[in-house]
Amino acid sequence: MTDDRMEMLGNRFAQRCRAHLEELRRFRTGEQPLDGEGGAFHLLVHSLAGTAGMFGFEDAGNRAADTEAAFLATPSDPDEVMRCLDALIAEIGKIAADAES
């Protein structure tokens, strides 16, 4: 894939982070419940873990991977999931803010 194409895809990812941020916040506030493996929350953090680093957002990818691991841990520690989610929200928020400027 060409560098121009990767840059374009990275820009699209950054712009989509605004929507991801809102969805993550709904999970954090409980407006949208954290469901089990394969549910909306798991799919979102799994997707972010897999794609963020690919577009140069390694910190966000790492935070998403941490969140997914905490969520899937047996037994899961809800406080740890929320700490990881807070860190992920902060990283996605930075990307979203940069995409707006």
C-alpha atoms as a PDB file:
ATOM      1  CA  MET A   1       0.000   0.000   0.000  1.00  0.00           C
ATOM      2  CA  THR A   2       1.334   3.441  -0.848  1.00  0.00           C
ATOM      3  CA  ASP A   3       2.277   5.970   1.807  1.00  0.00           C
ATOM      4  CA  ASP A   4      -0.445   8.330   0.518  1.00  0.00           C
ATOM      5  CA  ARG A   5      -3.070   5.611   0.898  1.00  0.00           C
ATOM      6  CA  MET A   6      -1.909   4.782   4.433  1.00  0.00           C
ATOM      7  CA  GLU A   7      -1.980   8.472   5.338  1.00  0.00           C
ATOM      8  CA  MET A   8      -5.517   8.796   3.998  1.00  0.00           C
ATOM      9  CA  LEU A   9      -6.646   5.734   5.966  1.00  0.00           C
ATOM     10  CA  GLY A  10      -4.917   7.064   9.084  1.00  0.00           C
ATOM     11  CA  ASN A  11      -6.743  10.369   8.704  1.00  0.00           C
ATOM     12  CA  ARG A  12     -10.062   8.535   8.368  1.00  0.00           C
ATOM     13  CA  PHE A  13      -9.286   6.520  11.475  1.00  0.00           C
ATOM     14  CA  ALA A  14      -8.499   9.716  13.400  1.00  0.00           C
ATOM     15  CA  GLN A  15     -11.772  11.292  12.306  1.00  0.00           C
ATOM     16  CA  ARG A  16     -13.735   8.184  13.321  1.00  0.00           C
ATOM     17  CA  CYS A  17     -12.172   8.484  16.766  1.00  0.00           C
ATOM     18  CA  ARG A  18     -14.743  11.164  17.598  1.00  0.00           C
ATOM     19  CA  ALA A  19     -17.526   8.582  17.248  1.00  0.00           C
ATOM     20  CA  HIS A  20     -15.437   5.966  19.060  1.00  0.00           C
ATOM     21  CA  LEU A  21     -14.878   8.439  21.884  1.00  0.00           C
ATOM     22  CA  GLU A  22     -18.595   9.035  22.337  1.00  0.00           C
ATOM     23  CA  GLU A  23     -19.294   5.306  22.330  1.00  0.00           C
ATOM     24  CA  LEU A  24     -16.526   4.626  24.865  1.00  0.00           C
ATOM     25  CA  ARG A  25     -17.946   7.359  27.097  1.00  0.00           C
ATOM     26  CA  ARG A  26     -21.388   5.730  26.964  1.00  0.00           C
ATOM     27  CA  PHE A  27     -19.825   2.475  28.130  1.00  0.00           C
ATOM     28  CA  ARG A  28     -17.960   4.323  30.884  1.00  0.00           C
ATOM     29  CA  THR A  29     -21.075   6.025  32.238  1.00  0.00           C
ATOM     30  CA  GLY A  30     -23.144   2.856  32.045  1.00  0.00           C
ATOM     31  CA  GLU A  31     -25.497   4.372  29.481  1.00  0.00           C
ATOM     32  CA  GLN A  32     -24.500   1.428  27.315  1.00  0.00           C
ATOM     33  CA  PRO A  33     -23.798  -1.724  29.361  1.00  0.00           C
ATOM     34  CA  LEU A  34     -20.594  -3.699  29.108  1.00  0.00           C
ATOM     35  CA  ASP A  35     -21.741  -6.949  27.609  1.00  0.00           C
ATOM     36  CA  GLY A  36     -19.897 -10.240  27.389  1.00  0.00           C
ATOM     37  CA  GLU A  37     -17.236 -11.485  25.014  1.00  0.00           C
ATOM     38  CA  GLY A  38     -18.250 -10.777  21.431  1.00  0.00           C
ATOM     39  CA  GLY A  39     -20.530  -7.908  22.464  1.00  0.00           C
ATOM     40  CA  ALA A  40     -20.347  -4.295  21.317  1.00  0.00           C
ATOM     41  CA  PHE A  41     -17.810  -3.184  23.950  1.00  0.00           C
ATOM     42  CA  HIS A  42     -15.494  -6.102  23.334  1.00  0.00           C
ATOM     43  CA  LEU A  43     -15.694  -5.690  19.566  1.00  0.00           C
ATOM     44  CA  LEU A  44     -14.917  -1.969  19.793  1.00  0.00           C
ATOM     45  CA  VAL A  45     -11.864  -2.294  22.041  1.00  0.00           C
ATOM     46  CA  HIS A  46     -10.643  -5.308  20.065  1.00  0.00           C
ATOM     47  CA  SER A  47     -10.947  -3.351  16.827  1.00  0.00           C
ATOM     48  CA  LEU A  48      -9.141  -0.340  18.307  1.00  0.00           C
ATOM     49  CA  ALA A  49      -6.379  -2.605  19.637  1.00  0.00           C
ATOM     50  CA  GLY A  50      -5.869  -4.005  16.159  1.00  0.00           C
ATOM     51  CA  THR A  51      -6.075  -0.844  14.089  1.00  0.00           C
ATOM     52  CA  ALA A  52      -4.794   2.099  16.133  1.00  0.00           C
ATOM     53  CA  GLY A  53      -1.147   1.057  16.041  1.00  0.00           C
ATOM     54  CA  MET A  54      -1.365   0.274  12.347  1.00  0.00           C
ATOM     55  CA  PHE A  55      -2.043   3.965  11.722  1.00  0.00           C
ATOM     56  CA  GLY A  56       0.653   5.269  14.059  1.00  0.00           C
ATOM     57  CA  PHE A  57      -1.382   5.556  17.260  1.00  0.00           C
ATOM     58  CA  GLU A  58       0.541   2.979  19.276  1.00  0.00           C
ATOM     59  CA  ASP A  59      -0.450   4.358  22.684  1.00  0.00           C
ATOM     60  CA  ALA A  60      -4.146   4.108  21.832  1.00  0.00           C
ATOM     61  CA  GLY A  61      -3.643   0.587  20.512  1.00  0.00           C
ATOM     62  CA  ASN A  62      -1.838  -0.426  23.681  1.00  0.00           C
ATOM     63  CA  ARG A  63      -4.546   1.109  25.897  1.00  0.00           C
ATOM     64  CA  ALA A  64      -7.216  -0.716  23.890  1.00  0.00           C
ATOM     65  CA  ALA A  65      -5.322  -3.999  24.249  1.00  0.00           C
ATOM     66  CA  ASP A  66      -5.004  -3.401  28.008  1.00  0.00           C
ATOM     67  CA  THR A  67      -8.735  -2.698  28.228  1.00  0.00           C
ATOM     68  CA  GLU A  68      -9.587  -5.834  26.286  1.00  0.00           C
ATOM     69  CA  ALA A  69      -7.293  -7.973  28.440  1.00  0.00           C
ATOM     70  CA  ALA A  70      -8.786  -6.576  31.659  1.00  0.00           C
ATOM     71  CA  PHE A  71     -12.308  -7.115  30.325  1.00  0.00           C
ATOM     72  CA  LEU A  72     -11.614 -10.733  29.322  1.00  0.00           C
ATOM     73  CA  ALA A  73      -9.671 -11.632  32.476  1.00  0.00           C
ATOM     74  CA  THR A  74     -11.105 -14.423  34.578  1.00  0.00           C
ATOM     75  CA  PRO A  75     -12.230 -13.242  36.990  1.00  0.00           C
ATOM     76  CA  SER A  76     -12.656  -9.749  35.615  1.00  0.00           C
ATOM     77  CA  ASP A  77     -11.908  -6.846  37.980  1.00  0.00           C
ATOM     78  CA  PRO A  78     -14.468  -4.128  37.182  1.00  0.00           C
ATOM     79  CA  ASP A  79     -12.271  -1.416  38.738  1.00  0.00           C
ATOM     80  CA  GLU A  80      -9.330  -2.432  36.546  1.00  0.00           C
ATOM     81  CA  VAL A  81     -11.549  -2.467  33.455  1.00  0.00           C
ATOM     82  CA  MET A  82     -12.656   1.098  34.270  1.00  0.00           C
ATOM     83  CA  ARG A  83      -9.063   2.269  34.899  1.00  0.00           C
ATOM     84  CA  CYS A  84      -8.020   0.844  31.546  1.00  0.00           C
ATOM     85  CA  LEU A  85     -11.098   2.310  29.866  1.00  0.00           C
ATOM     86  CA  ASP A  86     -10.291   5.752  31.326  1.00  0.00           C
ATOM     87  CA  ALA A  87      -6.774   5.537  29.859  1.00  0.00           C
ATOM     88  CA  LEU A  88      -8.187   4.459  26.494  1.00  0.00           C
ATOM     89  CA  ILE A  89     -10.703   7.312  26.507  1.00  0.00           C
ATOM     90  CA  ALA A  90      -7.869   9.773  27.184  1.00  0.00           C
ATOM     91  CA  GLU A  91      -5.818   8.456  24.245  1.00  0.00           C
ATOM     92  CA  ILE A  92      -8.755   8.353  21.824  1.00  0.00           C
ATOM     93  CA  GLY A  93      -9.689  11.856  22.988  1.00  0.00           C
ATOM     94  CA  LYS A  94      -6.237  13.126  21.993  1.00  0.00           C
ATOM     95  CA  ILE A  95      -6.559  11.608  18.533  1.00  0.00           C
ATOM     96  CA  ALA A  96     -10.072  13.031  18.087  1.00  0.00           C
ATOM     97  CA  ALA A  97      -8.944  16.491  19.214  1.00  0.00           C
ATOM     98  CA  ASP A  98      -5.982  16.470  16.827  1.00  0.00           C
ATOM     99  CA  ALA A  99      -8.263  15.387  13.961  1.00  0.00           C
ATOM    100  CA  GLU A 100     -10.438  18.457  14.566  1.00  0.00           C
ATOM    101  CA  SER A 101      -7.553  20.914  14.368  1.00  0.00           C
END
